[in-house]
Amino acid sequence: MIELDFAERLRTLRRENDLTQEKLADILQVTQRKISYWESGKFEPDLISLWKIADFFDISIDILIGRKNF
């Protein structure tokens, strides 16, 4: 099984860009609770959300989910 690092990478990207969970939620048009769940690993985003996150941070989905390094 492939170990994906999405939760940690999202948290790192958000912090490196000086964003709160609330601000990122507003940008992505989701709830702050959803960002919290993603960052804690409780839930994973759907494909559309992955695209939005990758586009916002200007990275590939492969990097976002940990298949490639930053």
PDB file of N, CA and C in Angstrom:
ATOM      1  N   MET A   1       0.845  -1.201   0.000  1.00  0.00           N
ATOM      2  CA  MET A   1       0.000   0.000   0.000  1.00  0.00           C
ATOM      3  C   MET A   1       0.878   1.248   0.000  1.00  0.00           C
ATOM      4  N   ILE A   2       0.480   2.222  -0.776  1.00  0.00           N
ATOM      5  CA  ILE A   2       1.233   3.478  -0.861  1.00  0.00           C
ATOM      6  C   ILE A   2       0.833   4.380   0.297  1.00  0.00           C
ATOM      7  N   GLU A   3       1.817   4.886   0.986  1.00  0.00           N
ATOM      8  CA  GLU A   3       1.568   5.837   2.080  1.00  0.00           C
ATOM      9  C   GLU A   3       1.547   7.249   1.490  1.00  0.00           C
ATOM     10  N   LEU A   4       0.456   7.930   1.621  1.00  0.00           N
ATOM     11  CA  LEU A   4       0.343   9.286   1.099  1.00  0.00           C
ATOM     12  C   LEU A   4       0.440  10.287   2.244  1.00  0.00           C
ATOM     13  N   ASP A   5       1.076  11.411   1.966  1.00  0.00           N
ATOM     14  CA  ASP A   5       1.333  12.417   2.990  1.00  0.00           C
ATOM     15  C   ASP A   5       0.460  13.650   2.834  1.00  0.00           C
ATOM     16  N   PHE A   6      -0.743  13.475   2.313  1.00  0.00           N
ATOM     17  CA  PHE A   6      -1.578  14.642   2.025  1.00  0.00           C
ATOM     18  C   PHE A   6      -1.792  15.527   3.247  1.00  0.00           C
ATOM     19  N   ALA A   7      -2.172  14.963   4.381  1.00  0.00           N
ATOM     20  CA  ALA A   7      -2.510  15.767   5.559  1.00  0.00           C
ATOM     21  C   ALA A   7      -1.337  16.653   5.976  1.00  0.00           C
ATOM     22  N   GLU A   8      -0.164  16.079   6.050  1.00  0.00           N
ATOM     23  CA  GLU A   8       1.023  16.836   6.460  1.00  0.00           C
ATOM     24  C   GLU A   8       1.408  17.881   5.419  1.00  0.00           C
ATOM     25  N   ARG A   9       1.305  17.518   4.165  1.00  0.00           N
ATOM     26  CA  ARG A   9       1.662  18.481   3.110  1.00  0.00           C
ATOM     27  C   ARG A   9       0.691  19.655   3.073  1.00  0.00           C
ATOM     28  N   LEU A  10      -0.580  19.397   3.248  1.00  0.00           N
ATOM     29  CA  LEU A  10      -1.550  20.495   3.268  1.00  0.00           C
ATOM     30  C   LEU A  10      -1.266  21.432   4.428  1.00  0.00           C
ATOM     31  N   ARG A  11      -1.036  20.881   5.609  1.00  0.00           N
ATOM     32  CA  ARG A  11      -0.749  21.696   6.790  1.00  0.00           C
ATOM     33  C   ARG A  11       0.520  22.532   6.560  1.00  0.00           C
ATOM     34  N   THR A  12       1.550  21.904   6.007  1.00  0.00           N
ATOM     35  CA  THR A  12       2.806  22.610   5.738  1.00  0.00           C
ATOM     36  C   THR A  12       2.600  23.734   4.731  1.00  0.00           C
ATOM     37  N   LEU A  13       1.924  23.455   3.641  1.00  0.00           N
ATOM     38  CA  LEU A  13       1.671  24.486   2.626  1.00  0.00           C
ATOM     39  C   LEU A  13       0.875  25.645   3.203  1.00  0.00           C
ATOM     40  N   ARG A  14      -0.139  25.322   3.978  1.00  0.00           N
ATOM     41  CA  ARG A  14      -0.969  26.379   4.566  1.00  0.00           C
ATOM     42  C   ARG A  14      -0.129  27.272   5.475  1.00  0.00           C
ATOM     43  N   ARG A  15       0.669  26.653   6.326  1.00  0.00           N
ATOM     44  CA  ARG A  15       1.489  27.423   7.269  1.00  0.00           C
ATOM     45  C   ARG A  15       2.575  28.220   6.547  1.00  0.00           C
ATOM     46  N   GLU A  16       3.214  27.633   5.562  1.00  0.00           N
ATOM     47  CA  GLU A  16       4.254  28.339   4.806  1.00  0.00           C
ATOM     48  C   GLU A  16       3.699  29.565   4.095  1.00  0.00           C
ATOM     49  N   ASN A  17       2.423  29.550   3.795  1.00  0.00           N
ATOM     50  CA  ASN A  17       1.775  30.675   3.119  1.00  0.00           C
ATOM     51  C   ASN A  17       1.019  31.581   4.086  1.00  0.00           C
ATOM     52  N   ASP A  18       1.298  31.395   5.379  1.00  0.00           N
ATOM     53  CA  ASP A  18       0.681  32.232   6.424  1.00  0.00           C
ATOM     54  C   ASP A  18      -0.836  32.293   6.330  1.00  0.00           C
ATOM     55  N   LEU A  19      -1.444  31.131   6.128  1.00  0.00           N
ATOM     56  CA  LEU A  19      -2.896  31.056   6.044  1.00  0.00           C
ATOM     57  C   LEU A  19      -3.452  30.337   7.261  1.00  0.00           C
ATOM     58  N   THR A  20      -4.548  30.830   7.768  1.00  0.00           N
ATOM     59  CA  THR A  20      -5.279  30.094   8.800  1.00  0.00           C
ATOM     60  C   THR A  20      -6.149  29.055   8.106  1.00  0.00           C
ATOM     61  N   GLN A  21      -6.642  28.117   8.875  1.00  0.00           N
ATOM     62  CA  GLN A  21      -7.586  27.155   8.298  1.00  0.00           C
ATOM     63  C   GLN A  21      -8.810  27.883   7.770  1.00  0.00           C
ATOM     64  N   GLU A  22      -9.241  28.908   8.482  1.00  0.00           N
ATOM     65  CA  GLU A  22     -10.426  29.657   8.063  1.00  0.00           C
ATOM     66  C   GLU A  22     -10.199  30.345   6.724  1.00  0.00           C
ATOM     67  N   LYS A  23      -9.030  30.972   6.565  1.00  0.00           N
ATOM     68  CA  LYS A  23      -8.742  31.688   5.323  1.00  0.00           C
ATOM     69  C   LYS A  23      -8.652  30.713   4.152  1.00  0.00           C
ATOM     70  N   LEU A  24      -7.958  29.592   4.347  1.00  0.00           N
ATOM     71  CA  LEU A  24      -7.859  28.605   3.274  1.00  0.00           C
ATOM     72  C   LEU A  24      -9.236  28.044   2.930  1.00  0.00           C
ATOM     73  N   ALA A  25     -10.047  27.821   3.933  1.00  0.00           N
ATOM     74  CA  ALA A  25     -11.410  27.337   3.689  1.00  0.00           C
ATOM     75  C   ALA A  25     -12.189  28.326   2.824  1.00  0.00           C
ATOM     76  N   ASP A  26     -12.067  29.614   3.123  1.00  0.00           N
ATOM     77  CA  ASP A  26     -12.744  30.634   2.314  1.00  0.00           C
ATOM     78  C   ASP A  26     -12.259  30.592   0.868  1.00  0.00           C
ATOM     79  N   ILE A  27     -10.951  30.480   0.691  1.00  0.00           N
ATOM     80  CA  ILE A  27     -10.371  30.457  -0.655  1.00  0.00           C
ATOM     81  C   ILE A  27     -10.865  29.249  -1.437  1.00  0.00           C
ATOM     82  N   LEU A  28     -10.922  28.101  -0.776  1.00  0.00           N
ATOM     83  CA  LEU A  28     -11.318  26.859  -1.451  1.00  0.00           C
ATOM     84  C   LEU A  28     -12.822  26.632  -1.459  1.00  0.00           C
ATOM     85  N   GLN A  29     -13.559  27.512  -0.801  1.00  0.00           N
ATOM     86  CA  GLN A  29     -15.016  27.432  -0.710  1.00  0.00           C
ATOM     87  C   GLN A  29     -15.464  26.128  -0.049  1.00  0.00           C
ATOM     88  N   VAL A  30     -14.817  25.835   1.085  1.00  0.00           N
ATOM     89  CA  VAL A  30     -15.199  24.706   1.928  1.00  0.00           C
ATOM     90  C   VAL A  30     -15.274  25.221   3.360  1.00  0.00           C
ATOM     91  N   THR A  31     -15.646  24.362   4.283  1.00  0.00           N
ATOM     92  CA  THR A  31     -15.713  24.785   5.683  1.00  0.00           C
ATOM     93  C   THR A  31     -14.358  24.636   6.353  1.00  0.00           C
ATOM     94  N   GLN A  32     -14.167  25.373   7.426  1.00  0.00           N
ATOM     95  CA  GLN A  32     -12.943  25.259   8.224  1.00  0.00           C
ATOM     96  C   GLN A  32     -12.849  23.856   8.801  1.00  0.00           C
ATOM     97  N   ARG A  33     -13.973  23.289   9.162  1.00  0.00           N
ATOM     98  CA  ARG A  33     -13.995  21.930   9.713  1.00  0.00           C
ATOM     99  C   ARG A  33     -13.438  20.932   8.695  1.00  0.00           C
ATOM    100  N   LYS A  34     -13.764  21.127   7.414  1.00  0.00           N
ATOM    101  CA  LYS A  34     -13.257  20.224   6.377  1.00  0.00           C
ATOM    102  C   LYS A  34     -11.733  20.328   6.283  1.00  0.00           C
ATOM    103  N   ILE A  35     -11.207  21.549   6.355  1.00  0.00           N
ATOM    104  CA  ILE A  35      -9.745  21.734   6.342  1.00  0.00           C
ATOM    105  C   ILE A  35      -9.136  21.020   7.547  1.00  0.00           C
ATOM    106  N   SER A  36      -9.746  21.172   8.699  1.00  0.00           N
ATOM    107  CA  SER A  36      -9.264  20.519   9.914  1.00  0.00           C
ATOM    108  C   SER A  36      -9.260  19.005   9.768  1.00  0.00           C
ATOM    109  N   TYR A  37     -10.325  18.460   9.223  1.00  0.00           N
ATOM    110  CA  TYR A  37     -10.404  17.012   9.005  1.00  0.00           C
ATOM    111  C   TYR A  37      -9.331  16.540   8.021  1.00  0.00           C
ATOM    112  N   TRP A  38      -9.126  17.301   6.953  1.00  0.00           N
ATOM    113  CA  TRP A  38      -8.092  16.936   5.990  1.00  0.00           C
ATOM    114  C   TRP A  38      -6.711  16.946   6.643  1.00  0.00           C
ATOM    115  N   GLU A  39      -6.433  17.992   7.415  1.00  0.00           N
ATOM    116  CA  GLU A  39      -5.117  18.115   8.038  1.00  0.00           C
ATOM    117  C   GLU A  39      -4.888  17.085   9.139  1.00  0.00           C
ATOM    118  N   SER A  40      -5.941  16.608   9.748  1.00  0.00           N
ATOM    119  CA  SER A  40      -5.798  15.601  10.804  1.00  0.00           C
ATOM    120  C   SER A  40      -5.781  14.182  10.228  1.00  0.00           C
ATOM    121  N   GLY A  41      -6.118  14.055   8.946  1.00  0.00           N
ATOM    122  CA  GLY A  41      -6.152  12.748   8.311  1.00  0.00           C
ATOM    123  C   GLY A  41      -7.448  11.989   8.530  1.00  0.00           C
ATOM    124  N   LYS A  42      -8.448  12.652   9.137  1.00  0.00           N
ATOM    125  CA  LYS A  42      -9.734  11.979   9.365  1.00  0.00           C
ATOM    126  C   LYS A  42     -10.463  11.698   8.058  1.00  0.00           C
ATOM    127  N   PHE A  43     -10.341  12.620   7.118  1.00  0.00           N
ATOM    128  CA  PHE A  43     -10.970  12.491   5.812  1.00  0.00           C
ATOM    129  C   PHE A  43      -9.982  12.949   4.755  1.00  0.00           C
ATOM    130  N   GLU A  44     -10.199  12.482   3.542  1.00  0.00           N
ATOM    131  CA  GLU A  44      -9.399  12.911   2.406  1.00  0.00           C
ATOM    132  C   GLU A  44     -10.298  13.673   1.442  1.00  0.00           C
ATOM    133  N   PRO A  45      -9.737  14.637   0.736  1.00  0.00           N
ATOM    134  CA  PRO A  45     -10.553  15.435  -0.183  1.00  0.00           C
ATOM    135  C   PRO A  45     -10.942  14.649  -1.425  1.00  0.00           C
ATOM    136  N   ASP A  46     -12.030  15.082  -2.042  1.00  0.00           N
ATOM    137  CA  ASP A  46     -12.423  14.502  -3.320  1.00  0.00           C
ATOM    138  C   ASP A  46     -11.521  15.078  -4.421  1.00  0.00           C
ATOM    139  N   LEU A  47     -11.659  14.554  -5.613  1.00  0.00           N
ATOM    140  CA  LEU A  47     -10.785  14.951  -6.714  1.00  0.00           C
ATOM    141  C   LEU A  47     -10.901  16.444  -7.037  1.00  0.00           C
ATOM    142  N   ILE A  48     -12.103  16.973  -7.043  1.00  0.00           N
ATOM    143  CA  ILE A  48     -12.291  18.399  -7.339  1.00  0.00           C
ATOM    144  C   ILE A  48     -11.560  19.249  -6.302  1.00  0.00           C
ATOM    145  N   SER A  49     -11.654  18.888  -5.037  1.00  0.00           N
ATOM    146  CA  SER A  49     -10.960  19.630  -3.981  1.00  0.00           C
ATOM    147  C   SER A  49      -9.450  19.528  -4.145  1.00  0.00           C
ATOM    148  N   LEU A  50      -8.949  18.347  -4.508  1.00  0.00           N
ATOM    149  CA  LEU A  50      -7.510  18.200  -4.762  1.00  0.00           C
ATOM    150  C   LEU A  50      -7.060  19.132  -5.874  1.00  0.00           C
ATOM    151  N   TRP A  51      -7.838  19.208  -6.937  1.00  0.00           N
ATOM    152  CA  TRP A  51      -7.500  20.120  -8.030  1.00  0.00           C
ATOM    153  C   TRP A  51      -7.460  21.562  -7.551  1.00  0.00           C
ATOM    154  N   LYS A  52      -8.451  21.966  -6.778  1.00  0.00           N
ATOM    155  CA  LYS A  52      -8.493  23.338  -6.276  1.00  0.00           C
ATOM    156  C   LYS A  52      -7.283  23.649  -5.395  1.00  0.00           C
ATOM    157  N   ILE A  53      -6.955  22.722  -4.517  1.00  0.00           N
ATOM    158  CA  ILE A  53      -5.816  22.922  -3.610  1.00  0.00           C
ATOM    159  C   ILE A  53      -4.519  23.008  -4.417  1.00  0.00           C
ATOM    160  N   ALA A  54      -4.317  22.066  -5.323  1.00  0.00           N
ATOM    161  CA  ALA A  54      -3.105  22.058  -6.146  1.00  0.00           C
ATOM    162  C   ALA A  54      -3.003  23.330  -6.979  1.00  0.00           C
ATOM    163  N   ASP A  55      -4.090  23.756  -7.582  1.00  0.00           N
ATOM    164  CA  ASP A  55      -4.091  24.986  -8.369  1.00  0.00           C
ATOM    165  C   ASP A  55      -3.764  26.196  -7.505  1.00  0.00           C
ATOM    166  N   PHE A  56      -4.376  26.277  -6.340  1.00  0.00           N
ATOM    167  CA  PHE A  56      -4.133  27.427  -5.467  1.00  0.00           C
ATOM    168  C   PHE A  56      -2.663  27.523  -5.076  1.00  0.00           C
ATOM    169  N   PHE A  57      -2.058  26.395  -4.698  1.00  0.00           N
ATOM    170  CA  PHE A  57      -0.665  26.408  -4.264  1.00  0.00           C
ATOM    171  C   PHE A  57       0.312  26.252  -5.433  1.00  0.00           C
ATOM    172  N   ASP A  58      -0.215  26.160  -6.653  1.00  0.00           N
ATOM    173  CA  ASP A  58       0.578  26.058  -7.876  1.00  0.00           C
ATOM    174  C   ASP A  58       1.541  24.872  -7.830  1.00  0.00           C
ATOM    175  N   ILE A  59       1.006  23.720  -7.462  1.00  0.00           N
ATOM    176  CA  ILE A  59       1.771  22.476  -7.435  1.00  0.00           C
ATOM    177  C   ILE A  59       0.938  21.379  -8.091  1.00  0.00           C
ATOM    178  N   SER A  60       1.572  20.256  -8.391  1.00  0.00           N
ATOM    179  CA  SER A  60       0.832  19.143  -8.981  1.00  0.00           C
ATOM    180  C   SER A  60       0.130  18.344  -7.879  1.00  0.00           C
ATOM    181  N   ILE A  61      -0.871  17.615  -8.267  1.00  0.00           N
ATOM    182  CA  ILE A  61      -1.553  16.732  -7.315  1.00  0.00           C
ATOM    183  C   ILE A  61      -0.578  15.674  -6.806  1.00  0.00           C
ATOM    184  N   ASP A  62       0.325  15.190  -7.670  1.00  0.00           N
ATOM    185  CA  ASP A  62       1.317  14.210  -7.227  1.00  0.00           C
ATOM    186  C   ASP A  62       2.144  14.743  -6.059  1.00  0.00           C
ATOM    187  N   ILE A  63       2.543  15.971  -6.135  1.00  0.00           N
ATOM    188  CA  ILE A  63       3.301  16.573  -5.032  1.00  0.00           C
ATOM    189  C   ILE A  63       2.400  16.714  -3.813  1.00  0.00           C
ATOM    190  N   LEU A  64       1.185  17.151  -4.024  1.00  0.00           N
ATOM    191  CA  LEU A  64       0.258  17.365  -2.923  1.00  0.00           C
ATOM    192  C   LEU A  64      -0.011  16.092  -2.128  1.00  0.00           C
ATOM    193  N   ILE A  65      -0.135  14.972  -2.809  1.00  0.00           N
ATOM    194  CA  ILE A  65      -0.439  13.732  -2.091  1.00  0.00           C
ATOM    195  C   ILE A  65       0.806  12.934  -1.694  1.00  0.00           C
ATOM    196  N   GLY A  66       1.973  13.440  -2.074  1.00  0.00           N
ATOM    197  CA  GLY A  66       3.201  12.801  -1.624  1.00  0.00           C
ATOM    198  C   GLY A  66       3.802  11.793  -2.567  1.00  0.00           C
ATOM    199  N   ARG A  67       3.326  11.731  -3.785  1.00  0.00           N
ATOM    200  CA  ARG A  67       3.927  10.805  -4.760  1.00  0.00           C
ATOM    201  C   ARG A  67       5.245  11.352  -5.295  1.00  0.00           C
ATOM    202  N   LYS A  68       5.429  12.659  -5.202  1.00  0.00           N
ATOM    203  CA  LYS A  68       6.689  13.314  -5.590  1.00  0.00           C
ATOM    204  C   LYS A  68       7.028  14.307  -4.500  1.00  0.00           C
ATOM    205  N   ASN A  69       8.317  14.609  -4.356  1.00  0.00           N
ATOM    206  CA  ASN A  69       8.743  15.578  -3.349  1.00  0.00           C
ATOM    207  C   ASN A  69       8.543  16.997  -3.825  1.00  0.00           C
ATOM    208  N   PHE A  70       8.502  17.905  -2.863  1.00  0.00           N
ATOM    209  CA  PHE A  70       8.374  19.333  -3.170  1.00  0.00           C
ATOM    210  C   PHE A  70       9.507  19.767  -4.062  1.00  0.00           C
TER     211      PHE A  70
END
